[in-house]
C-alpha atoms as a PDB file:
ATOM      1  CA  MET A   1      59.175  -1.711  82.858  1.00  0.00           C
ATOM      2  CA  GLN A   2      56.128  -2.401  84.963  1.00  0.00           C
ATOM      3  CA  ALA A   3      55.598  -1.754  88.681  1.00  0.00           C
ATOM      4  CA  SER A   4      52.738  -1.564  91.220  1.00  0.00           C
ATOM      5  CA  VAL A   5      52.200   0.447  94.337  1.00  0.00           C
ATOM      6  CA  GLY A   6      54.224  -1.168  97.112  1.00  0.00           C
ATOM      7  CA  ASP A   7      57.000  -2.386  94.770  1.00  0.00           C
ATOM      8  CA  GLU A   8      60.527  -1.448  95.371  1.00  0.00           C
ATOM      9  CA  LEU A   9      62.859   0.122  92.836  1.00  0.00           C
ATOM     10  CA  LEU A  10      66.607  -0.721  93.203  1.00  0.00           C
ATOM     11  CA  VAL A  11      68.619   2.035  91.459  1.00  0.00           C
ATOM     12  CA  HIS A  12      72.170   1.001  90.890  1.00  0.00           C
ATOM     13  CA  GLY A  13      74.966   3.630  91.351  1.00  0.00           C
ATOM     14  CA  ARG A  14      76.192   4.854  87.972  1.00  0.00           C
ATOM     15  CA  THR A  15      79.773   5.912  89.020  1.00  0.00           C
ATOM     16  CA  VAL A  16      82.500   4.578  91.254  1.00  0.00           C
ATOM     17  CA  GLY A  17      81.666   5.428  94.844  1.00  0.00           C
ATOM     18  CA  GLN A  18      77.939   6.023  94.282  1.00  0.00           C
ATOM     19  CA  HIS A  19      75.908   3.593  96.279  1.00  0.00           C
ATOM     20  CA  ASP A  20      72.755   1.822  95.229  1.00  0.00           C
ATOM     21  CA  ARG A  21      69.505   3.375  96.327  1.00  0.00           C
ATOM     22  CA  THR A  22      66.062   1.877  97.017  1.00  0.00           C
ATOM     23  CA  ALA A  23      62.700   3.586  96.689  1.00  0.00           C
ATOM     24  CA  GLN A  24      59.121   2.492  97.383  1.00  0.00           C
ATOM     25  CA  VAL A  25      56.518   3.020  94.608  1.00  0.00           C
ATOM     26  CA  LEU A  26      53.796   5.244  96.105  1.00  0.00           C
ATOM     27  CA  GLU A  27      51.843   5.901  92.909  1.00  0.00           C
ATOM     28  CA  VAL A  28      51.887   4.685  89.250  1.00  0.00           C
ATOM     29  CA  LYS A  29      51.253   7.554  86.930  1.00  0.00           C
ATOM     30  CA  GLY A  30      51.673   5.614  83.626  1.00  0.00           C
ATOM     31  CA  GLU A  31      49.147   3.097  82.083  1.00  0.00           C
ATOM     32  CA  ASN A  32      49.242  -0.605  82.974  1.00  0.00           C
ATOM     33  CA  GLY A  33      52.175  -0.168  85.466  1.00  0.00           C
ATOM     34  CA  ALA A  34      54.271   1.921  83.239  1.00  0.00           C
ATOM     35  CA  PRO A  35      56.435   4.843  84.341  1.00  0.00           C
ATOM     36  CA  PRO A  36      56.467   7.459  85.647  1.00  0.00           C
ATOM     37  CA  TYR A  37      56.330   6.482  89.303  1.00  0.00           C
ATOM     38  CA  LYS A  38      55.908   8.621  92.409  1.00  0.00           C
ATOM     39  CA  VAL A  39      58.451   7.189  94.746  1.00  0.00           C
ATOM     40  CA  LYS A  40      59.882   7.663  98.229  1.00  0.00           C
ATOM     41  CA  PHE A  41      63.659   6.964  98.721  1.00  0.00           C
ATOM     42  CA  ASP A  42      64.467   4.795 101.716  1.00  0.00           C
ATOM     43  CA  ASP A  43      67.780   6.419 102.616  1.00  0.00           C
ATOM     44  CA  ASP A  44      66.511  10.032 103.077  1.00  0.00           C
ATOM     45  CA  GLY A  45      62.662  10.024 102.718  1.00  0.00           C
ATOM     46  CA  HIS A  46      62.860  12.194  99.640  1.00  0.00           C
ATOM     47  CA  GLU A  47      59.802  11.873  97.354  1.00  0.00           C
ATOM     48  CA  ALA A  48      60.164  12.230  93.591  1.00  0.00           C
ATOM     49  CA  LEU A  49      58.548  11.568  90.189  1.00  0.00           C
ATOM     50  CA  MET A  50      60.732   9.052  88.487  1.00  0.00           C
ATOM     51  CA  SER A  51      61.032   7.513  85.064  1.00  0.00           C
ATOM     52  CA  PRO A  52      63.685   4.729  85.690  1.00  0.00           C
ATOM     53  CA  GLY A  53      66.321   3.978  83.259  1.00  0.00           C
ATOM     54  CA  PRO A  54      68.236   0.741  82.598  1.00  0.00           C
ATOM     55  CA  ASP A  55      70.113   0.964  85.799  1.00  0.00           C
ATOM     56  CA  THR A  56      66.959   0.275  87.770  1.00  0.00           C
ATOM     57  CA  VAL A  57      65.442  -3.065  88.755  1.00  0.00           C
ATOM     58  CA  VAL A  58      61.871  -3.674  90.058  1.00  0.00           C
ATOM     59  CA  ARG A  59      61.506  -5.814  93.030  1.00  0.00           C
ATOM     60  CA  HIS A  60      57.825  -6.678  93.070  1.00  0.00           C
ATOM     61  CA  HIS A  61      55.941  -6.703  96.433  1.00  0.00           C
ATOM     62  CA  GLY A  62      56.407 -10.032  98.028  1.00  0.00           C
ATOM     63  CA  GLU A  63      59.487 -11.110  96.149  1.00  0.00           C
ATOM     64  CA  ARG A  64      62.386 -12.532  98.123  1.00  0.00           C
ATOM     65  CA  ARG A  65      65.468 -10.268  98.386  1.00  0.00           C
END
């Protein structure tokens, strides 16, 4: 997985009833766009250090939704 500052991560819910979440990439801590990423979640403003798993999709800055 590779991301840049300004990209959006879409984290799919893992269990029934758990909604998808989106987070903005604030900082890339890994080399060449690799995780971990410092992110800010859109739904509650929480900031976290994240190493996304297979349930996460990168929406690169400027991509259509």
